[in-house]
């Protein structure tokens, strides 16, 4: 069923609203990336990034496992599940690498 536009609304108005929405979302994602980068940089400079990664790795792994279990019941994987798995895998590797470096 096609969407019904209000009378007097032309397609350029709709396209402008869609472009505005995309711009707002893109700006929010960019600001989030900058904030996360600043947090990681601050933790690294203070020497606390390794301990933070070790604390976050199990949480990320359990989150990824719970998403996989939920999706396994319903349908195939999505990009969100792939991203959660990639982050959990990376953090687990980093935590293991940091453990080996501290033992030596």
PDB file of N, CA and C in Angstrom:
ATOM      1  N   UNK A   1       0.845  -1.158   0.000  1.00  0.00           N
ATOM      2  CA  UNK A   1       0.000   0.000   0.000  1.00  0.00           C
ATOM      3  C   UNK A   1       0.903   1.237   0.000  1.00  0.00           C
ATOM      4  N   UNK A   2       0.760   2.124  -0.946  1.00  0.00           N
ATOM      5  CA  UNK A   2       1.630   3.294  -1.024  1.00  0.00           C
ATOM      6  C   UNK A   2       1.330   4.275   0.105  1.00  0.00           C
ATOM      7  N   UNK A   3       2.392   4.979   0.505  1.00  0.00           N
ATOM      8  CA  UNK A   3       2.222   5.990   1.547  1.00  0.00           C
ATOM      9  C   UNK A   3       1.473   7.184   0.969  1.00  0.00           C
ATOM     10  N   UNK A   4       0.616   7.739   1.764  1.00  0.00           N
ATOM     11  CA  UNK A   4      -0.180   8.882   1.314  1.00  0.00           C
ATOM     12  C   UNK A   4       0.435  10.144   1.901  1.00  0.00           C
ATOM     13  N   UNK A   5       0.788  11.067   1.038  1.00  0.00           N
ATOM     14  CA  UNK A   5       1.359  12.333   1.471  1.00  0.00           C
ATOM     15  C   UNK A   5       0.237  13.318   1.735  1.00  0.00           C
ATOM     16  N   UNK A   6       0.512  14.245   2.620  1.00  0.00           N
ATOM     17  CA  UNK A   6      -0.482  15.289   2.879  1.00  0.00           C
ATOM     18  C   UNK A   6      -0.678  16.108   1.615  1.00  0.00           C
ATOM     19  N   UNK A   7      -1.853  16.612   1.469  1.00  0.00           N
ATOM     20  CA  UNK A   7      -2.157  17.384   0.270  1.00  0.00           C
ATOM     21  C   UNK A   7      -1.284  18.640   0.245  1.00  0.00           C
ATOM     22  N   UNK A   8      -0.691  18.917  -0.888  1.00  0.00           N
ATOM     23  CA  UNK A   8       0.168  20.083  -1.032  1.00  0.00           C
ATOM     24  C   UNK A   8       1.629  19.789  -0.739  1.00  0.00           C
ATOM     25  N   UNK A   9       1.952  18.559  -0.333  1.00  0.00           N
ATOM     26  CA  UNK A   9       3.335  18.182  -0.067  1.00  0.00           C
ATOM     27  C   UNK A   9       3.923  17.619  -1.345  1.00  0.00           C
ATOM     28  N   UNK A  10       5.033  18.199  -1.754  1.00  0.00           N
ATOM     29  CA  UNK A  10       5.661  17.688  -2.960  1.00  0.00           C
ATOM     30  C   UNK A  10       6.851  16.802  -2.583  1.00  0.00           C
ATOM     31  N   UNK A  11       7.377  16.137  -3.578  1.00  0.00           N
ATOM     32  CA  UNK A  11       8.441  15.169  -3.349  1.00  0.00           C
ATOM     33  C   UNK A  11       9.724  15.825  -2.863  1.00  0.00           C
ATOM     34  N   UNK A  12       9.991  17.048  -3.252  1.00  0.00           N
ATOM     35  CA  UNK A  12      11.225  17.701  -2.798  1.00  0.00           C
ATOM     36  C   UNK A  12      11.205  17.943  -1.290  1.00  0.00           C
ATOM     37  N   UNK A  13      10.044  18.208  -0.730  1.00  0.00           N
ATOM     38  CA  UNK A  13       9.941  18.380   0.718  1.00  0.00           C
ATOM     39  C   UNK A  13      10.236  17.068   1.431  1.00  0.00           C
ATOM     40  N   UNK A  14       9.708  15.995   0.910  1.00  0.00           N
ATOM     41  CA  UNK A  14       9.955  14.688   1.499  1.00  0.00           C
ATOM     42  C   UNK A  14      11.434  14.341   1.408  1.00  0.00           C
ATOM     43  N   UNK A  15      12.047  14.584   0.266  1.00  0.00           N
ATOM     44  CA  UNK A  15      13.466  14.286   0.097  1.00  0.00           C
ATOM     45  C   UNK A  15      14.319  15.146   1.026  1.00  0.00           C
ATOM     46  N   UNK A  16      13.945  16.407   1.216  1.00  0.00           N
ATOM     47  CA  UNK A  16      14.689  17.272   2.132  1.00  0.00           C
ATOM     48  C   UNK A  16      14.599  16.756   3.564  1.00  0.00           C
ATOM     49  N   UNK A  17      13.435  16.285   3.965  1.00  0.00           N
ATOM     50  CA  UNK A  17      13.297  15.733   5.307  1.00  0.00           C
ATOM     51  C   UNK A  17      14.118  14.458   5.477  1.00  0.00           C
ATOM     52  N   UNK A  18      14.130  13.610   4.459  1.00  0.00           N
ATOM     53  CA  UNK A  18      14.940  12.400   4.523  1.00  0.00           C
ATOM     54  C   UNK A  18      16.431  12.728   4.590  1.00  0.00           C
ATOM     55  N   UNK A  19      16.855  13.714   3.825  1.00  0.00           N
ATOM     56  CA  UNK A  19      18.255  14.132   3.847  1.00  0.00           C
ATOM     57  C   UNK A  19      18.619  14.730   5.205  1.00  0.00           C
ATOM     58  N   UNK A  20      17.738  15.491   5.778  1.00  0.00           N
ATOM     59  CA  UNK A  20      17.965  16.063   7.103  1.00  0.00           C
ATOM     60  C   UNK A  20      18.082  14.964   8.148  1.00  0.00           C
ATOM     61  N   UNK A  21      17.214  13.977   8.073  1.00  0.00           N
ATOM     62  CA  UNK A  21      17.272  12.853   9.008  1.00  0.00           C
ATOM     63  C   UNK A  21      18.585  12.096   8.869  1.00  0.00           C
ATOM     64  N   UNK A  22      19.015  11.854   7.636  1.00  0.00           N
ATOM     65  CA  UNK A  22      20.285  11.176   7.410  1.00  0.00           C
ATOM     66  C   UNK A  22      21.440  11.993   7.971  1.00  0.00           C
ATOM     67  N   UNK A  23      21.403  13.303   7.787  1.00  0.00           N
ATOM     68  CA  UNK A  23      22.462  14.165   8.302  1.00  0.00           C
ATOM     69  C   UNK A  23      22.546  14.130   9.817  1.00  0.00           C
ATOM     70  N   UNK A  24      21.404  14.152  10.465  1.00  0.00           N
ATOM     71  CA  UNK A  24      21.381  14.099  11.930  1.00  0.00           C
ATOM     72  C   UNK A  24      21.945  12.778  12.428  1.00  0.00           C
ATOM     73  N   UNK A  25      21.563  11.685  11.797  1.00  0.00           N
ATOM     74  CA  UNK A  25      22.080  10.372  12.189  1.00  0.00           C
ATOM     75  C   UNK A  25      23.583  10.303  11.957  1.00  0.00           C
ATOM     76  N   UNK A  26      24.063  10.811  10.826  1.00  0.00           N
ATOM     77  CA  UNK A  26      25.500  10.781  10.528  1.00  0.00           C
ATOM     78  C   UNK A  26      26.282  11.614  11.535  1.00  0.00           C
ATOM     79  N   UNK A  27      25.763  12.758  11.916  1.00  0.00           N
ATOM     80  CA  UNK A  27      26.440  13.603  12.904  1.00  0.00           C
ATOM     81  C   UNK A  27      26.490  12.905  14.263  1.00  0.00           C
ATOM     82  N   UNK A  28      25.400  12.256  14.656  1.00  0.00           N
ATOM     83  CA  UNK A  28      25.382  11.534  15.934  1.00  0.00           C
ATOM     84  C   UNK A  28      26.400  10.402  15.950  1.00  0.00           C
ATOM     85  N   UNK A  29      26.502   9.669  14.861  1.00  0.00           N
ATOM     86  CA  UNK A  29      27.475   8.579  14.784  1.00  0.00           C
ATOM     87  C   UNK A  29      28.896   9.132  14.845  1.00  0.00           C
ATOM     88  N   UNK A  30      29.163  10.238  14.162  1.00  0.00           N
ATOM     89  CA  UNK A  30      30.496  10.839  14.181  1.00  0.00           C
ATOM     90  C   UNK A  30      30.855  11.335  15.584  1.00  0.00           C
ATOM     91  N   UNK A  31      29.921  11.970  16.269  1.00  0.00           N
ATOM     92  CA  UNK A  31      30.183  12.452  17.625  1.00  0.00           C
ATOM     93  C   UNK A  31      30.433  11.286  18.565  1.00  0.00           C
ATOM     94  N   UNK A  32      29.659  10.212  18.434  1.00  0.00           N
ATOM     95  CA  UNK A  32      29.861   9.027  19.257  1.00  0.00           C
ATOM     96  C   UNK A  32      31.245   8.434  19.020  1.00  0.00           C
ATOM     97  N   UNK A  33      31.673   8.356  17.768  1.00  0.00           N
ATOM     98  CA  UNK A  33      33.002   7.819  17.453  1.00  0.00           C
ATOM     99  C   UNK A  33      34.099   8.691  18.063  1.00  0.00           C
ATOM    100  N   UNK A  34      33.944   9.991  17.999  1.00  0.00           N
ATOM    101  CA  UNK A  34      34.949  10.897  18.570  1.00  0.00           C
ATOM    102  C   UNK A  34      35.002  10.748  20.086  1.00  0.00           C
ATOM    103  N   UNK A  35      33.857  10.636  20.722  1.00  0.00           N
ATOM    104  CA  UNK A  35      33.827  10.481  22.181  1.00  0.00           C
ATOM    105  C   UNK A  35      34.471   9.156  22.593  1.00  0.00           C
ATOM    106  N   UNK A  36      34.151   8.075  21.892  1.00  0.00           N
ATOM    107  CA  UNK A  36      34.761   6.782  22.217  1.00  0.00           C
ATOM    108  C   UNK A  36      36.266   6.807  21.991  1.00  0.00           C
ATOM    109  N   UNK A  37      36.713   7.459  20.931  1.00  0.00           N
ATOM    110  CA  UNK A  37      38.146   7.581  20.674  1.00  0.00           C
ATOM    111  C   UNK A  37      38.827   8.377  21.774  1.00  0.00           C
ATOM    112  N   UNK A  38      38.205   9.458  22.226  1.00  0.00           N
ATOM    113  CA  UNK A  38      38.780  10.270  23.298  1.00  0.00           C
ATOM    114  C   UNK A  38      38.872   9.484  24.605  1.00  0.00           C
ATOM    115  N   UNK A  39      37.857   8.685  24.901  1.00  0.00           N
ATOM    116  CA  UNK A  39      37.890   7.855  26.109  1.00  0.00           C
ATOM    117  C   UNK A  39      39.014   6.833  26.021  1.00  0.00           C
ATOM    118  N   UNK A  40      39.132   6.169  24.874  1.00  0.00           N
ATOM    119  CA  UNK A  40      40.192   5.171  24.701  1.00  0.00           C
ATOM    120  C   UNK A  40      41.574   5.821  24.798  1.00  0.00           C
ATOM    121  N   UNK A  41      41.737   6.982  24.215  1.00  0.00           N
ATOM    122  CA  UNK A  41      43.019   7.681  24.258  1.00  0.00           C
ATOM    123  C   UNK A  41      43.362   8.087  25.687  1.00  0.00           C
ATOM    124  N   UNK A  42      42.384   8.569  26.429  1.00  0.00           N
ATOM    125  CA  UNK A  42      42.623   8.952  27.819  1.00  0.00           C
ATOM    126  C   UNK A  42      43.002   7.743  28.663  1.00  0.00           C
ATOM    127  N   UNK A  43      42.296   6.635  28.473  1.00  0.00           N
ATOM    128  CA  UNK A  43      42.627   5.423  29.228  1.00  0.00           C
ATOM    129  C   UNK A  43      44.019   4.921  28.878  1.00  0.00           C
ATOM    130  N   UNK A  44      44.390   5.008  27.609  1.00  0.00           N
ATOM    131  CA  UNK A  44      45.710   4.541  27.204  1.00  0.00           C
ATOM    132  C   UNK A  44      46.808   5.417  27.797  1.00  0.00           C
ATOM    133  N   UNK A  45      46.602   6.714  27.812  1.00  0.00           N
ATOM    134  CA  UNK A  45      47.608   7.629  28.372  1.00  0.00           C
ATOM    135  C   UNK A  45      47.785   7.411  29.871  1.00  0.00           C
ATOM    136  N   UNK A  46      46.717   7.072  30.559  1.00  0.00           N
ATOM    137  CA  UNK A  46      46.802   6.839  31.997  1.00  0.00           C
ATOM    138  C   UNK A  46      47.262   5.424  32.325  1.00  0.00           C
ATOM    139  N   UNK A  47      47.394   4.580  31.304  1.00  0.00           N
ATOM    140  CA  UNK A  47      47.854   3.216  31.525  1.00  0.00           C
ATOM    141  C   UNK A  47      46.784   2.282  32.042  1.00  0.00           C
ATOM    142  N   UNK A  48      45.529   2.642  31.885  1.00  0.00           N
ATOM    143  CA  UNK A  48      44.436   1.819  32.405  1.00  0.00           C
ATOM    144  C   UNK A  48      43.649   1.116  31.308  1.00  0.00           C
ATOM    145  N   UNK A  49      44.100   1.217  30.066  1.00  0.00           N
ATOM    146  CA  UNK A  49      43.350   0.616  28.961  1.00  0.00           C
ATOM    147  C   UNK A  49      43.345  -0.903  29.058  1.00  0.00           C
ATOM    148  N   UNK A  50      44.473  -1.498  29.425  1.00  0.00           N
ATOM    149  CA  UNK A  50      44.558  -2.956  29.537  1.00  0.00           C
ATOM    150  C   UNK A  50      43.616  -3.515  30.575  1.00  0.00           C
ATOM    151  N   UNK A  51      43.567  -2.884  31.750  1.00  0.00           N
ATOM    152  CA  UNK A  51      42.674  -3.383  32.799  1.00  0.00           C
ATOM    153  C   UNK A  51      41.210  -3.177  32.418  1.00  0.00           C
ATOM    154  N   UNK A  52      40.938  -2.085  31.714  1.00  0.00           N
ATOM    155  CA  UNK A  52      39.571  -1.845  31.265  1.00  0.00           C
ATOM    156  C   UNK A  52      39.143  -2.880  30.240  1.00  0.00           C
ATOM    157  N   UNK A  53      40.041  -3.212  29.317  1.00  0.00           N
ATOM    158  CA  UNK A  53      39.736  -4.232  28.302  1.00  0.00           C
ATOM    159  C   UNK A  53      39.497  -5.577  28.969  1.00  0.00           C
ATOM    160  N   UNK A  54      40.290  -5.907  29.995  1.00  0.00           N
ATOM    161  CA  UNK A  54      40.098  -7.179  30.690  1.00  0.00           C
ATOM    162  C   UNK A  54      38.755  -7.240  31.406  1.00  0.00           C
ATOM    163  N   UNK A  55      38.279  -6.098  31.882  1.00  0.00           N
ATOM    164  CA  UNK A  55      36.982  -6.064  32.561  1.00  0.00           C
ATOM    165  C   UNK A  55      35.820  -6.098  31.574  1.00  0.00           C
ATOM    166  N   UNK A  56      36.006  -5.491  30.410  1.00  0.00           N
ATOM    167  CA  UNK A  56      34.916  -5.389  29.442  1.00  0.00           C
ATOM    168  C   UNK A  56      34.806  -6.638  28.564  1.00  0.00           C
ATOM    169  N   UNK A  57      35.897  -7.363  28.360  1.00  0.00           N
ATOM    170  CA  UNK A  57      35.895  -8.525  27.455  1.00  0.00           C
ATOM    171  C   UNK A  57      34.842  -9.571  27.834  1.00  0.00           C
ATOM    172  N   UNK A  58      34.725  -9.994  29.093  1.00  0.00           N
ATOM    173  CA  UNK A  58      33.674 -10.978  29.420  1.00  0.00           C
ATOM    174  C   UNK A  58      32.257 -10.451  29.207  1.00  0.00           C
ATOM    175  N   UNK A  59      32.067  -9.163  29.468  1.00  0.00           N
ATOM    176  CA  UNK A  59      30.744  -8.567  29.265  1.00  0.00           C
ATOM    177  C   UNK A  59      30.389  -8.577  27.779  1.00  0.00           C
ATOM    178  N   UNK A  60      31.354  -8.203  26.935  1.00  0.00           N
ATOM    179  CA  UNK A  60      31.114  -8.199  25.487  1.00  0.00           C
ATOM    180  C   UNK A  60      30.864  -9.610  24.974  1.00  0.00           C
ATOM    181  N   UNK A  61      31.603 -10.592  25.495  1.00  0.00           N
ATOM    182  CA  UNK A  61      31.418 -11.983  25.060  1.00  0.00           C
ATOM    183  C   UNK A  61      30.033 -12.481  25.447  1.00  0.00           C
ATOM    184  N   UNK A  62      29.581 -12.190  26.661  1.00  0.00           N
ATOM    185  CA  UNK A  62      28.252 -12.669  27.074  1.00  0.00           C
ATOM    186  C   UNK A  62      27.152 -11.975  26.272  1.00  0.00           C
ATOM    187  N   UNK A  63      27.354 -10.688  25.957  1.00  0.00           N
ATOM    188  CA  UNK A  63      26.375  -9.979  25.134  1.00  0.00           C
ATOM    189  C   UNK A  63      26.301 -10.594  23.737  1.00  0.00           C
ATOM    190  N   UNK A  64      27.454 -10.871  23.145  1.00  0.00           N
ATOM    191  CA  UNK A  64      27.466 -11.470  21.810  1.00  0.00           C
ATOM    192  C   UNK A  64      26.829 -12.858  21.834  1.00  0.00           C
ATOM    193  N   UNK A  65      27.119 -13.630  22.879  1.00  0.00           N
ATOM    194  CA  UNK A  65      26.519 -14.969  22.985  1.00  0.00           C
ATOM    195  C   UNK A  65      25.007 -14.894  23.149  1.00  0.00           C
ATOM    196  N   UNK A  66      24.531 -13.928  23.928  1.00  0.00           N
ATOM    197  CA  UNK A  66      23.084 -13.818  24.116  1.00  0.00           C
ATOM    198  C   UNK A  66      22.395 -13.386  22.819  1.00  0.00           C
ATOM    199  N   UNK A  67      23.034 -12.497  22.046  1.00  0.00           N
ATOM    200  CA  UNK A  67      22.469 -12.092  20.753  1.00  0.00           C
ATOM    201  C   UNK A  67      22.439 -13.279  19.799  1.00  0.00           C
ATOM    202  N   UNK A  68      23.499 -14.077  19.798  1.00  0.00           N
ATOM    203  CA  UNK A  68      23.538 -15.240  18.914  1.00  0.00           C
ATOM    204  C   UNK A  68      22.477 -16.261  19.294  1.00  0.00           C
ATOM    205  N   UNK A  69      22.256 -16.454  20.591  1.00  0.00           N
ATOM    206  CA  UNK A  69      21.235 -17.411  21.034  1.00  0.00           C
ATOM    207  C   UNK A  69      19.842 -16.927  20.647  1.00  0.00           C
ATOM    208  N   UNK A  70      19.603 -15.629  20.793  1.00  0.00           N
ATOM    209  CA  UNK A  70      18.300 -15.071  20.456  1.00  0.00           C
ATOM    210  C   UNK A  70      18.045 -15.160  18.960  1.00  0.00           C
ATOM    211  N   UNK A  71      19.056 -14.845  18.160  1.00  0.00           N
ATOM    212  CA  UNK A  71      18.888 -14.860  16.709  1.00  0.00           C
ATOM    213  C   UNK A  71      18.809 -16.289  16.203  1.00  0.00           C
ATOM    214  N   UNK A  72      19.505 -17.204  16.866  1.00  0.00           N
ATOM    215  CA  UNK A  72      19.461 -18.604  16.448  1.00  0.00           C
ATOM    216  C   UNK A  72      18.049 -19.165  16.486  1.00  0.00           C
ATOM    217  N   UNK A  73      17.246 -18.658  17.404  1.00  0.00           N
ATOM    218  CA  UNK A  73      15.856 -19.122  17.483  1.00  0.00           C
ATOM    219  C   UNK A  73      15.010 -18.544  16.368  1.00  0.00           C
ATOM    220  N   UNK A  74      15.287 -17.282  15.995  1.00  0.00           N
ATOM    221  CA  UNK A  74      14.386 -16.584  15.086  1.00  0.00           C
ATOM    222  C   UNK A  74      14.789 -16.700  13.618  1.00  0.00           C
ATOM    223  N   UNK A  75      15.990 -16.236  13.283  1.00  0.00           N
ATOM    224  CA  UNK A  75      16.389 -16.206  11.880  1.00  0.00           C
ATOM    225  C   UNK A  75      17.899 -16.122  11.791  1.00  0.00           C
ATOM    226  N   UNK A  76      18.409 -15.938  10.594  1.00  0.00           N
ATOM    227  CA  UNK A  76      19.848 -15.855  10.385  1.00  0.00           C
ATOM    228  C   UNK A  76      20.463 -14.628  11.018  1.00  0.00           C
ATOM    229  N   UNK A  77      21.792 -14.557  11.009  1.00  0.00           N
ATOM    230  CA  UNK A  77      22.519 -13.468  11.642  1.00  0.00           C
ATOM    231  C   UNK A  77      22.330 -12.143  10.919  1.00  0.00           C
ATOM    232  N   UNK A  78      22.589 -11.070  11.638  1.00  0.00           N
ATOM    233  CA  UNK A  78      22.498  -9.734  11.082  1.00  0.00           C
ATOM    234  C   UNK A  78      23.849  -9.056  11.246  1.00  0.00           C
ATOM    235  N   UNK A  79      23.983  -7.863  10.711  1.00  0.00           N
ATOM    236  CA  UNK A  79      25.245  -7.142  10.840  1.00  0.00           C
ATOM    237  C   UNK A  79      25.504  -6.767  12.297  1.00  0.00           C
ATOM    238  N   UNK A  80      24.462  -6.594  13.079  1.00  0.00           N
ATOM    239  CA  UNK A  80      24.643  -6.273  14.501  1.00  0.00           C
ATOM    240  C   UNK A  80      25.286  -7.443  15.237  1.00  0.00           C
ATOM    241  N   UNK A  81      24.848  -8.647  14.911  1.00  0.00           N
ATOM    242  CA  UNK A  81      25.446  -9.829  15.538  1.00  0.00           C
ATOM    243  C   UNK A  81      26.898  -9.982  15.113  1.00  0.00           C
ATOM    244  N   UNK A  82      27.166  -9.728  13.844  1.00  0.00           N
ATOM    245  CA  UNK A  82      28.541  -9.809  13.368  1.00  0.00           C
ATOM    246  C   UNK A  82      29.437  -8.789  14.054  1.00  0.00           C
ATOM    247  N   UNK A  83      28.919  -7.578  14.242  1.00  0.00           N
ATOM    248  CA  UNK A  83      29.689  -6.542  14.922  1.00  0.00           C
ATOM    249  C   UNK A  83      29.916  -6.905  16.385  1.00  0.00           C
ATOM    250  N   UNK A  84      28.893  -7.413  17.045  1.00  0.00           N
ATOM    251  CA  UNK A  84      29.038  -7.810  18.450  1.00  0.00           C
ATOM    252  C   UNK A  84      30.057  -8.931  18.585  1.00  0.00           C
ATOM    253  N   UNK A  85      30.020  -9.896  17.673  1.00  0.00           N
ATOM    254  CA  UNK A  85      30.992 -10.983  17.713  1.00  0.00           C
ATOM    255  C   UNK A  85      32.404 -10.486  17.455  1.00  0.00           C
ATOM    256  N   UNK A  86      32.558  -9.574  16.507  1.00  0.00           N
ATOM    257  CA  UNK A  86      33.885  -9.043  16.186  1.00  0.00           C
ATOM    258  C   UNK A  86      34.466  -8.267  17.362  1.00  0.00           C
ATOM    259  N   UNK A  87      33.659  -7.446  18.007  1.00  0.00           N
ATOM    260  CA  UNK A  87      34.136  -6.677  19.159  1.00  0.00           C
ATOM    261  C   UNK A  87      34.504  -7.611  20.308  1.00  0.00           C
ATOM    262  N   UNK A  88      33.646  -8.589  20.579  1.00  0.00           N
ATOM    263  CA  UNK A  88      33.926  -9.530  21.664  1.00  0.00           C
ATOM    264  C   UNK A  88      35.203 -10.321  21.383  1.00  0.00           C
ATOM    265  N   UNK A  89      35.384 -10.754  20.142  1.00  0.00           N
ATOM    266  CA  UNK A  89      36.584 -11.509  19.769  1.00  0.00           C
ATOM    267  C   UNK A  89      37.835 -10.649  19.919  1.00  0.00           C
ATOM    268  N   UNK A  90      37.770  -9.411  19.463  1.00  0.00           N
ATOM    269  CA  UNK A  90      38.915  -8.501  19.558  1.00  0.00           C
ATOM    270  C   UNK A  90      39.270  -8.224  21.016  1.00  0.00           C
ATOM    271  N   UNK A  91      38.263  -7.933  21.844  1.00  0.00           N
ATOM    272  CA  UNK A  91      38.534  -7.641  23.251  1.00  0.00           C
ATOM    273  C   UNK A  91      39.087  -8.855  23.977  1.00  0.00           C
ATOM    274  N   UNK A  92      38.596 -10.040  23.648  1.00  0.00           N
ATOM    275  CA  UNK A  92      39.116 -11.256  24.264  1.00  0.00           C
ATOM    276  C   UNK A  92      40.572 -11.474  23.876  1.00  0.00           C
ATOM    277  N   UNK A  93      40.908 -11.235  22.604  1.00  0.00           N
ATOM    278  CA  UNK A  93      42.302 -11.360  22.165  1.00  0.00           C
ATOM    279  C   UNK A  93      43.181 -10.338  22.871  1.00  0.00           C
ATOM    280  N   UNK A  94      42.716  -9.098  22.981  1.00  0.00           N
ATOM    281  CA  UNK A  94      43.501  -8.059  23.642  1.00  0.00           C
ATOM    282  C   UNK A  94      43.721  -8.394  25.116  1.00  0.00           C
ATOM    283  N   UNK A  95      42.677  -8.889  25.775  1.00  0.00           N
ATOM    284  CA  UNK A  95      42.808  -9.249  27.189  1.00  0.00           C
ATOM    285  C   UNK A  95      43.814 -10.375  27.357  1.00  0.00           C
ATOM    286  N   UNK A  96      43.781 -11.364  26.464  1.00  0.00           N
ATOM    287  CA  UNK A  96      44.747 -12.454  26.517  1.00  0.00           C
ATOM    288  C   UNK A  96      46.162 -11.973  26.253  1.00  0.00           C
ATOM    289  N   UNK A  97      46.304 -11.057  25.311  1.00  0.00           N
ATOM    290  CA  UNK A  97      47.626 -10.512  24.997  1.00  0.00           C
ATOM    291  C   UNK A  97      48.175  -9.729  26.186  1.00  0.00           C
ATOM    292  N   UNK A  98      47.322  -8.952  26.827  1.00  0.00           N
ATOM    293  CA  UNK A  98      47.756  -8.175  27.993  1.00  0.00           C
ATOM    294  C   UNK A  98      48.146  -9.090  29.149  1.00  0.00           C
ATOM    295  N   UNK A  99      47.409 -10.204  29.337  1.00  0.00           N
ATOM    296  CA  UNK A  99      47.766 -11.167  30.384  1.00  0.00           C
ATOM    297  C   UNK A  99      49.150 -11.743  30.143  1.00  0.00           C
ATOM    298  N   UNK A 100      49.438 -12.119  28.894  1.00  0.00           N
ATOM    299  CA  UNK A 100      50.749 -12.692  28.579  1.00  0.00           C
ATOM    300  C   UNK A 100      51.873 -11.679  28.783  1.00  0.00           C
ATOM    301  N   UNK A 101      51.632 -10.415  28.454  1.00  0.00           N
ATOM    302  CA  UNK A 101      52.652  -9.394  28.629  1.00  0.00           C
ATOM    303  C   UNK A 101      52.937  -9.125  30.099  1.00  0.00           C
ATOM    304  N   UNK A 102      51.910  -9.178  30.943  1.00  0.00           N
ATOM    305  CA  UNK A 102      52.115  -8.912  32.364  1.00  0.00           C
ATOM    306  C   UNK A 102      52.810 -10.063  33.067  1.00  0.00           C
ATOM    307  N   UNK A 103      52.639 -11.286  32.557  1.00  0.00           N
ATOM    308  CA  UNK A 103      53.300 -12.451  33.172  1.00  0.00           C
ATOM    309  C   UNK A 103      54.786 -12.458  32.894  1.00  0.00           C
ATOM    310  N   UNK A 104      55.204 -11.860  31.799  1.00  0.00           N
ATOM    311  CA  UNK A 104      56.631 -11.926  31.431  1.00  0.00           C
ATOM    312  C   UNK A 104      57.468 -10.965  32.183  1.00  0.00           C
TER     313      UNK A 104
END
